[in-house]
Amino acid sequence: MRKEKTIDFQIKWAWHSISRMYNAYAARFDTTMAVGYVLLNIDIENGTPATKIAPLLGMEPRSLVRMLKNLEERGLITREVSENDKRFVRIMLTDLGKEKRELAREGVISFNTMVRDKIPLDKLVTFFEVIKDINKIVEEENQKLKAGDLEEEI
């Protein structure tokens, strides 16, 4: 089978194209797509617990630690430690972080509007159904693989 005819190739190719477009957009505002993605997943009013961000983004916690340190150094976020439990840290957006978050939000809305304007609704509905099914299949396979890893350890 040629790689161009595989499902995973098409998904990865589309995501890389989208990623390049978002990075070109973000570069105009001295940021990156990854930074925008993190900022979009932080609650604008109440912040977000640090432990909840990695699962929201599908990131490894180690990668997120580096990203949060970078965002803090750039003045986009602050960390608020709970007075009751010093282990609990909430990530808050600074005013600059809120500005960059809004720019990222505008970029996402613009892309989605562009796609929705050019692709008929029935095709988009089918796309969402298919991608949901693919994600379900992948999740089921991941669970089987995890279960197999656990069996090997026992």
N, C-alpha and C. Protein backbone atom coordinates (compact mmCIF):
# COMPACT_ATOMS: atom_id res chain seq x y z
N MET A 1 0.85 -1.18 0.00
CA MET A 1 0.00 0.00 0.00
C MET A 1 0.89 1.24 0.00
N ARG A 2 0.56 2.17 -0.86
CA ARG A 2 1.31 3.42 -0.89
C ARG A 2 0.94 4.27 0.30
N LYS A 3 1.93 4.98 0.85
CA LYS A 3 1.68 5.76 2.06
C LYS A 3 0.58 6.80 1.87
N GLU A 4 0.48 7.35 0.66
CA GLU A 4 -0.53 8.37 0.39
C GLU A 4 -1.95 7.82 0.49
N LYS A 5 -2.07 6.49 0.45
CA LYS A 5 -3.39 5.85 0.52
C LYS A 5 -3.72 5.36 1.92
N THR A 6 -2.84 5.65 2.89
CA THR A 6 -3.12 5.21 4.26
C THR A 6 -3.84 6.33 5.02
N ILE A 7 -4.67 5.92 5.93
CA ILE A 7 -5.46 6.87 6.72
C ILE A 7 -4.56 7.72 7.60
N ASP A 8 -3.61 7.08 8.27
CA ASP A 8 -2.73 7.82 9.18
C ASP A 8 -1.90 8.86 8.42
N PHE A 9 -1.46 8.55 7.22
CA PHE A 9 -0.70 9.52 6.43
C PHE A 9 -1.55 10.76 6.16
N GLN A 10 -2.79 10.55 5.75
CA GLN A 10 -3.67 11.68 5.42
C GLN A 10 -3.95 12.55 6.64
N ILE A 11 -4.17 11.91 7.80
CA ILE A 11 -4.43 12.68 9.02
C ILE A 11 -3.18 13.48 9.40
N LYS A 12 -2.02 12.81 9.38
CA LYS A 12 -0.77 13.48 9.76
C LYS A 12 -0.44 14.61 8.77
N TRP A 13 -0.61 14.35 7.50
CA TRP A 13 -0.32 15.35 6.46
C TRP A 13 -1.21 16.57 6.65
N ALA A 14 -2.52 16.34 6.90
CA ALA A 14 -3.44 17.46 7.11
C ALA A 14 -3.05 18.23 8.37
N TRP A 15 -2.72 17.50 9.46
CA TRP A 15 -2.37 18.20 10.69
C TRP A 15 -1.09 19.02 10.51
N HIS A 16 -0.11 18.48 9.81
CA HIS A 16 1.13 19.24 9.58
C HIS A 16 0.86 20.50 8.75
N SER A 17 -0.03 20.40 7.79
CA SER A 17 -0.39 21.58 6.99
C SER A 17 -1.07 22.62 7.86
N ILE A 18 -2.00 22.18 8.70
CA ILE A 18 -2.70 23.09 9.60
C ILE A 18 -1.70 23.72 10.58
N SER A 19 -0.82 22.90 11.11
CA SER A 19 0.18 23.36 12.06
C SER A 19 1.08 24.43 11.45
N ARG A 20 1.54 24.21 10.22
CA ARG A 20 2.37 25.20 9.54
C ARG A 20 1.61 26.51 9.36
N MET A 21 0.33 26.40 8.98
CA MET A 21 -0.49 27.60 8.79
C MET A 21 -0.64 28.35 10.12
N TYR A 22 -0.97 27.62 11.19
CA TYR A 22 -1.11 28.26 12.50
C TYR A 22 0.21 28.88 12.97
N ASN A 23 1.32 28.22 12.73
CA ASN A 23 2.61 28.78 13.13
C ASN A 23 2.94 30.04 12.35
N ALA A 24 2.60 30.06 11.07
CA ALA A 24 2.83 31.28 10.27
C ALA A 24 1.96 32.42 10.81
N TYR A 25 0.73 32.10 11.16
CA TYR A 25 -0.18 33.10 11.76
C TYR A 25 0.37 33.58 13.10
N ALA A 26 0.77 32.65 13.95
CA ALA A 26 1.25 32.98 15.30
C ALA A 26 2.55 33.78 15.26
N ALA A 27 3.41 33.50 14.27
CA ALA A 27 4.70 34.20 14.17
C ALA A 27 4.50 35.70 13.99
N ARG A 28 3.39 36.09 13.39
CA ARG A 28 3.10 37.52 13.22
C ARG A 28 2.91 38.21 14.56
N PHE A 29 2.63 37.42 15.60
CA PHE A 29 2.40 37.97 16.94
C PHE A 29 3.47 37.51 17.92
N ASP A 30 4.62 37.10 17.37
CA ASP A 30 5.76 36.66 18.18
C ASP A 30 5.41 35.52 19.13
N THR A 31 4.74 34.52 18.59
CA THR A 31 4.41 33.34 19.38
C THR A 31 4.38 32.12 18.47
N THR A 32 3.93 31.00 18.99
CA THR A 32 3.85 29.76 18.21
C THR A 32 2.47 29.14 18.38
N MET A 33 2.18 28.18 17.52
CA MET A 33 0.93 27.47 17.62
C MET A 33 0.84 26.73 18.96
N ALA A 34 1.93 26.12 19.40
CA ALA A 34 1.93 25.35 20.65
C ALA A 34 1.60 26.26 21.84
N VAL A 35 2.17 27.46 21.85
CA VAL A 35 1.88 28.41 22.92
C VAL A 35 0.40 28.79 22.88
N GLY A 36 -0.10 29.10 21.69
CA GLY A 36 -1.52 29.46 21.56
C GLY A 36 -2.43 28.34 22.03
N TYR A 37 -2.06 27.12 21.71
CA TYR A 37 -2.87 25.95 22.10
C TYR A 37 -2.92 25.82 23.62
N VAL A 38 -1.80 26.02 24.28
CA VAL A 38 -1.78 25.96 25.75
C VAL A 38 -2.63 27.10 26.31
N LEU A 39 -2.44 28.31 25.81
CA LEU A 39 -3.18 29.46 26.32
C LEU A 39 -4.69 29.27 26.16
N LEU A 40 -5.10 28.67 25.04
CA LEU A 40 -6.53 28.43 24.80
C LEU A 40 -7.13 27.44 25.79
N ASN A 41 -6.29 26.63 26.40
CA ASN A 41 -6.78 25.61 27.33
C ASN A 41 -6.65 26.02 28.79
N ILE A 42 -6.34 27.28 29.03
CA ILE A 42 -6.31 27.82 30.39
C ILE A 42 -7.54 28.68 30.57
N ASP A 43 -8.32 28.39 31.60
CA ASP A 43 -9.54 29.15 31.87
C ASP A 43 -9.19 30.62 32.07
N ILE A 44 -9.81 31.47 31.28
CA ILE A 44 -9.45 32.89 31.25
C ILE A 44 -9.77 33.60 32.57
N GLU A 45 -10.79 33.18 33.28
CA GLU A 45 -11.20 33.84 34.52
C GLU A 45 -10.59 33.20 35.76
N ASN A 46 -10.70 31.87 35.86
CA ASN A 46 -10.32 31.17 37.09
C ASN A 46 -8.99 30.43 37.01
N GLY A 47 -8.35 30.47 35.85
CA GLY A 47 -7.13 29.69 35.69
C GLY A 47 -7.48 28.21 35.60
N THR A 48 -6.45 27.39 35.52
CA THR A 48 -6.62 25.95 35.39
C THR A 48 -5.58 25.26 36.25
N PRO A 49 -5.99 24.22 36.99
CA PRO A 49 -4.99 23.48 37.77
C PRO A 49 -3.91 22.93 36.84
N ALA A 50 -2.67 23.05 37.26
CA ALA A 50 -1.54 22.60 36.43
C ALA A 50 -1.69 21.14 36.05
N THR A 51 -2.21 20.32 36.95
CA THR A 51 -2.34 18.88 36.68
C THR A 51 -3.39 18.57 35.63
N LYS A 52 -4.27 19.50 35.33
CA LYS A 52 -5.34 19.27 34.35
C LYS A 52 -4.93 19.67 32.93
N ILE A 53 -3.88 20.46 32.80
CA ILE A 53 -3.53 21.00 31.49
C ILE A 53 -2.97 19.93 30.55
N ALA A 54 -2.03 19.11 31.01
CA ALA A 54 -1.43 18.09 30.14
C ALA A 54 -2.49 17.17 29.53
N PRO A 55 -3.42 16.61 30.33
CA PRO A 55 -4.45 15.75 29.73
C PRO A 55 -5.34 16.49 28.72
N LEU A 56 -5.61 17.77 28.96
CA LEU A 56 -6.41 18.55 28.01
C LEU A 56 -5.72 18.67 26.66
N LEU A 57 -4.39 18.72 26.69
CA LEU A 57 -3.62 18.94 25.48
C LEU A 57 -3.08 17.67 24.86
N GLY A 58 -3.20 16.55 25.59
CA GLY A 58 -2.62 15.31 25.10
C GLY A 58 -1.10 15.34 25.15
N MET A 59 -0.56 16.08 26.12
CA MET A 59 0.89 16.22 26.25
C MET A 59 1.40 15.36 27.40
N GLU A 60 2.67 15.05 27.34
CA GLU A 60 3.34 14.42 28.46
C GLU A 60 3.60 15.49 29.52
N PRO A 61 3.45 15.15 30.79
CA PRO A 61 3.70 16.15 31.84
C PRO A 61 5.08 16.81 31.76
N ARG A 62 6.12 16.05 31.39
CA ARG A 62 7.48 16.62 31.30
C ARG A 62 7.53 17.73 30.26
N SER A 63 6.89 17.50 29.13
CA SER A 63 6.88 18.52 28.07
C SER A 63 6.12 19.76 28.53
N LEU A 64 5.04 19.54 29.26
CA LEU A 64 4.25 20.66 29.74
C LEU A 64 5.02 21.50 30.74
N VAL A 65 5.81 20.87 31.59
CA VAL A 65 6.61 21.61 32.59
C VAL A 65 7.51 22.61 31.88
N ARG A 66 8.18 22.16 30.82
CA ARG A 66 9.05 23.07 30.05
C ARG A 66 8.25 24.20 29.42
N MET A 67 7.11 23.83 28.85
CA MET A 67 6.26 24.83 28.19
C MET A 67 5.77 25.87 29.21
N LEU A 68 5.31 25.43 30.38
CA LEU A 68 4.82 26.37 31.39
C LEU A 68 5.95 27.28 31.88
N LYS A 69 7.15 26.72 32.03
CA LYS A 69 8.29 27.54 32.45
C LYS A 69 8.55 28.63 31.41
N ASN A 70 8.51 28.25 30.14
CA ASN A 70 8.70 29.20 29.04
C ASN A 70 7.62 30.29 29.05
N LEU A 71 6.37 29.88 29.24
CA LEU A 71 5.27 30.84 29.26
C LEU A 71 5.39 31.80 30.44
N GLU A 72 5.85 31.28 31.57
CA GLU A 72 6.04 32.12 32.75
C GLU A 72 7.16 33.13 32.51
N GLU A 73 8.27 32.67 31.93
CA GLU A 73 9.40 33.56 31.63
C GLU A 73 9.01 34.66 30.65
N ARG A 74 8.09 34.35 29.74
CA ARG A 74 7.64 35.33 28.76
C ARG A 74 6.54 36.25 29.30
N GLY A 75 6.12 36.01 30.52
CA GLY A 75 5.12 36.86 31.15
C GLY A 75 3.69 36.59 30.69
N LEU A 76 3.44 35.38 30.20
CA LEU A 76 2.10 35.03 29.71
C LEU A 76 1.24 34.37 30.78
N ILE A 77 1.89 33.74 31.76
CA ILE A 77 1.15 33.07 32.83
C ILE A 77 1.82 33.34 34.17
N THR A 78 1.08 33.08 35.23
CA THR A 78 1.64 33.04 36.58
C THR A 78 1.16 31.75 37.22
N ARG A 79 1.85 31.33 38.25
CA ARG A 79 1.46 30.14 39.00
C ARG A 79 0.99 30.60 40.37
N GLU A 80 -0.20 30.16 40.74
CA GLU A 80 -0.72 30.49 42.06
C GLU A 80 -0.77 29.20 42.88
N VAL A 81 -0.01 29.18 43.97
CA VAL A 81 0.04 28.02 44.85
C VAL A 81 -1.07 28.15 45.88
N SER A 82 -1.82 27.09 46.09
CA SER A 82 -2.91 27.09 47.06
C SER A 82 -2.34 27.28 48.47
N GLU A 83 -2.99 28.12 49.25
CA GLU A 83 -2.57 28.31 50.64
C GLU A 83 -2.88 27.08 51.48
N ASN A 84 -3.95 26.36 51.12
CA ASN A 84 -4.37 25.17 51.88
C ASN A 84 -3.51 23.95 51.58
N ASP A 85 -3.10 23.81 50.32
CA ASP A 85 -2.33 22.64 49.90
C ASP A 85 -1.25 23.11 48.93
N LYS A 86 -0.02 23.19 49.39
CA LYS A 86 1.08 23.74 48.59
C LYS A 86 1.37 22.91 47.33
N ARG A 87 0.83 21.69 47.28
CA ARG A 87 1.03 20.86 46.08
C ARG A 87 0.10 21.29 44.95
N PHE A 88 -0.95 22.02 45.26
CA PHE A 88 -1.95 22.43 44.28
C PHE A 88 -1.55 23.77 43.67
N VAL A 89 -1.31 23.76 42.36
CA VAL A 89 -0.89 24.97 41.63
C VAL A 89 -1.90 25.25 40.53
N ARG A 90 -2.38 26.48 40.50
CA ARG A 90 -3.31 26.92 39.46
C ARG A 90 -2.54 27.84 38.51
N ILE A 91 -2.69 27.59 37.22
CA ILE A 91 -2.05 28.40 36.18
C ILE A 91 -3.03 29.51 35.79
N MET A 92 -2.56 30.74 35.90
CA MET A 92 -3.38 31.91 35.59
C MET A 92 -2.78 32.66 34.40
N LEU A 93 -3.63 33.23 33.58
CA LEU A 93 -3.16 34.06 32.47
C LEU A 93 -2.89 35.48 32.96
N THR A 94 -1.79 36.04 32.51
CA THR A 94 -1.52 37.46 32.76
C THR A 94 -2.30 38.27 31.73
N ASP A 95 -2.25 39.58 31.82
CA ASP A 95 -2.92 40.41 30.81
C ASP A 95 -2.33 40.13 29.43
N LEU A 96 -1.00 40.00 29.35
CA LEU A 96 -0.36 39.67 28.07
C LEU A 96 -0.80 38.29 27.60
N GLY A 97 -0.89 37.35 28.51
CA GLY A 97 -1.35 36.00 28.17
C GLY A 97 -2.77 36.01 27.63
N LYS A 98 -3.62 36.85 28.21
CA LYS A 98 -4.99 36.97 27.72
C LYS A 98 -5.02 37.56 26.31
N GLU A 99 -4.13 38.54 26.06
CA GLU A 99 -4.05 39.12 24.71
C GLU A 99 -3.63 38.07 23.69
N LYS A 100 -2.59 37.32 24.02
CA LYS A 100 -2.09 36.28 23.09
C LYS A 100 -3.14 35.18 22.92
N ARG A 101 -3.86 34.86 24.01
CA ARG A 101 -4.92 33.85 23.94
C ARG A 101 -6.00 34.30 22.96
N GLU A 102 -6.36 35.57 23.02
CA GLU A 102 -7.40 36.11 22.13
C GLU A 102 -6.94 36.05 20.67
N LEU A 103 -5.66 36.33 20.42
CA LEU A 103 -5.13 36.24 19.06
C LEU A 103 -5.19 34.79 18.56
N ALA A 104 -4.85 33.85 19.43
CA ALA A 104 -4.92 32.43 19.06
C ALA A 104 -6.37 32.04 18.78
N ARG A 105 -7.27 32.51 19.61
CA ARG A 105 -8.70 32.23 19.43
C ARG A 105 -9.19 32.76 18.08
N GLU A 106 -8.78 33.96 17.74
CA GLU A 106 -9.16 34.55 16.46
C GLU A 106 -8.63 33.72 15.29
N GLY A 107 -7.40 33.21 15.43
CA GLY A 107 -6.83 32.37 14.38
C GLY A 107 -7.61 31.08 14.18
N VAL A 108 -8.01 30.47 15.28
CA VAL A 108 -8.79 29.22 15.21
C VAL A 108 -10.16 29.49 14.59
N ILE A 109 -10.80 30.57 15.02
CA ILE A 109 -12.12 30.91 14.47
C ILE A 109 -12.00 31.19 12.97
N SER A 110 -10.97 31.92 12.59
CA SER A 110 -10.76 32.25 11.18
C SER A 110 -10.59 30.99 10.33
N PHE A 111 -9.76 30.06 10.80
CA PHE A 111 -9.56 28.81 10.06
C PHE A 111 -10.86 28.03 9.95
N ASN A 112 -11.57 27.89 11.07
CA ASN A 112 -12.82 27.13 11.05
C ASN A 112 -13.86 27.77 10.15
N THR A 113 -13.93 29.09 10.15
CA THR A 113 -14.87 29.80 9.28
C THR A 113 -14.50 29.56 7.81
N MET A 114 -13.21 29.63 7.51
CA MET A 114 -12.75 29.41 6.14
C MET A 114 -13.13 28.01 5.66
N VAL A 115 -12.89 27.00 6.50
CA VAL A 115 -13.22 25.62 6.12
C VAL A 115 -14.73 25.47 5.97
N ARG A 116 -15.49 25.98 6.93
CA ARG A 116 -16.96 25.85 6.88
C ARG A 116 -17.55 26.58 5.67
N ASP A 117 -16.91 27.65 5.23
CA ASP A 117 -17.39 28.38 4.06
C ASP A 117 -17.12 27.62 2.76
N LYS A 118 -16.10 26.76 2.76
CA LYS A 118 -15.69 26.11 1.52
C LYS A 118 -16.09 24.63 1.43
N ILE A 119 -16.46 24.04 2.55
CA ILE A 119 -16.84 22.62 2.54
C ILE A 119 -18.30 22.51 2.98
N PRO A 120 -19.12 21.84 2.17
CA PRO A 120 -20.55 21.73 2.52
C PRO A 120 -20.75 21.05 3.88
N LEU A 121 -21.81 21.47 4.57
CA LEU A 121 -22.11 20.98 5.90
C LEU A 121 -22.23 19.45 5.95
N ASP A 122 -22.86 18.84 4.95
CA ASP A 122 -23.02 17.38 4.98
C ASP A 122 -21.67 16.66 4.95
N LYS A 123 -20.70 17.22 4.23
CA LYS A 123 -19.37 16.63 4.21
C LYS A 123 -18.68 16.79 5.57
N LEU A 124 -18.86 17.96 6.19
CA LEU A 124 -18.26 18.18 7.50
C LEU A 124 -18.87 17.25 8.55
N VAL A 125 -20.18 17.06 8.48
CA VAL A 125 -20.85 16.14 9.41
C VAL A 125 -20.26 14.74 9.25
N THR A 126 -20.11 14.30 8.01
CA THR A 126 -19.52 12.98 7.76
C THR A 126 -18.08 12.92 8.27
N PHE A 127 -17.32 13.99 8.03
CA PHE A 127 -15.94 14.03 8.52
C PHE A 127 -15.89 13.86 10.04
N PHE A 128 -16.73 14.61 10.76
CA PHE A 128 -16.74 14.52 12.22
C PHE A 128 -17.14 13.12 12.68
N GLU A 129 -18.09 12.50 12.00
CA GLU A 129 -18.49 11.14 12.36
C GLU A 129 -17.32 10.17 12.15
N VAL A 130 -16.64 10.29 11.03
CA VAL A 130 -15.54 9.38 10.71
C VAL A 130 -14.37 9.59 11.67
N ILE A 131 -14.00 10.83 11.94
CA ILE A 131 -12.86 11.08 12.83
C ILE A 131 -13.18 10.62 14.25
N LYS A 132 -14.44 10.76 14.66
CA LYS A 132 -14.86 10.26 15.97
C LYS A 132 -14.71 8.74 16.02
N ASP A 133 -15.13 8.06 14.95
CA ASP A 133 -15.00 6.60 14.89
C ASP A 133 -13.53 6.17 14.90
N ILE A 134 -12.70 6.90 14.17
CA ILE A 134 -11.26 6.58 14.15
C ILE A 134 -10.68 6.74 15.55
N ASN A 135 -11.02 7.82 16.23
CA ASN A 135 -10.53 8.04 17.59
C ASN A 135 -10.98 6.93 18.53
N LYS A 136 -12.20 6.46 18.36
CA LYS A 136 -12.71 5.36 19.19
C LYS A 136 -11.91 4.09 18.94
N ILE A 137 -11.66 3.78 17.68
CA ILE A 137 -10.87 2.59 17.31
C ILE A 137 -9.47 2.69 17.91
N VAL A 138 -8.85 3.85 17.79
CA VAL A 138 -7.50 4.06 18.32
C VAL A 138 -7.49 3.91 19.84
N GLU A 139 -8.49 4.49 20.49
CA GLU A 139 -8.56 4.39 21.96
C GLU A 139 -8.74 2.93 22.40
N GLU A 140 -9.58 2.19 21.70
CA GLU A 140 -9.76 0.77 22.02
C GLU A 140 -8.45 0.00 21.84
N GLU A 141 -7.74 0.30 20.77
CA GLU A 141 -6.46 -0.37 20.53
C GLU A 141 -5.44 0.00 21.60
N ASN A 142 -5.42 1.28 22.00
CA ASN A 142 -4.51 1.70 23.07
C ASN A 142 -4.82 0.97 24.37
N GLN A 143 -6.10 0.78 24.66
CA GLN A 143 -6.48 0.05 25.88
C GLN A 143 -6.00 -1.40 25.82
N LYS A 144 -6.14 -2.03 24.65
CA LYS A 144 -5.66 -3.41 24.48
C LYS A 144 -4.14 -3.47 24.67
N LEU A 145 -3.44 -2.52 24.08
CA LEU A 145 -1.98 -2.50 24.19
C LEU A 145 -1.56 -2.28 25.64
N LYS A 146 -2.24 -1.38 26.33
CA LYS A 146 -1.94 -1.14 27.74
C LYS A 146 -2.19 -2.40 28.57
N ALA A 147 -3.30 -3.05 28.32
CA ALA A 147 -3.63 -4.28 29.04
C ALA A 147 -2.56 -5.34 28.78
N GLY A 148 -2.08 -5.42 27.55
CA GLY A 148 -1.01 -6.37 27.20
C GLY A 148 0.27 -6.04 27.93
N ASP A 149 0.60 -4.74 28.05
CA ASP A 149 1.80 -4.33 28.80
C ASP A 149 1.68 -4.72 30.25
N LEU A 150 0.48 -4.56 30.83
CA LEU A 150 0.27 -4.92 32.23
C LEU A 150 0.42 -6.43 32.44
N GLU A 151 -0.10 -7.21 31.49
CA GLU A 151 0.01 -8.67 31.59
C GLU A 151 1.47 -9.10 31.54
N GLU A 152 2.27 -8.44 30.70
CA GLU A 152 3.69 -8.79 30.61
C GLU A 152 4.43 -8.48 31.89
N GLU A 153 4.02 -7.40 32.60
CA GLU A 153 4.68 -7.02 33.84
C GLU A 153 4.36 -7.99 34.97
N ILE A 154 3.19 -8.61 34.91
CA ILE A 154 2.76 -9.50 36.00
C ILE A 154 3.40 -10.82 35.91
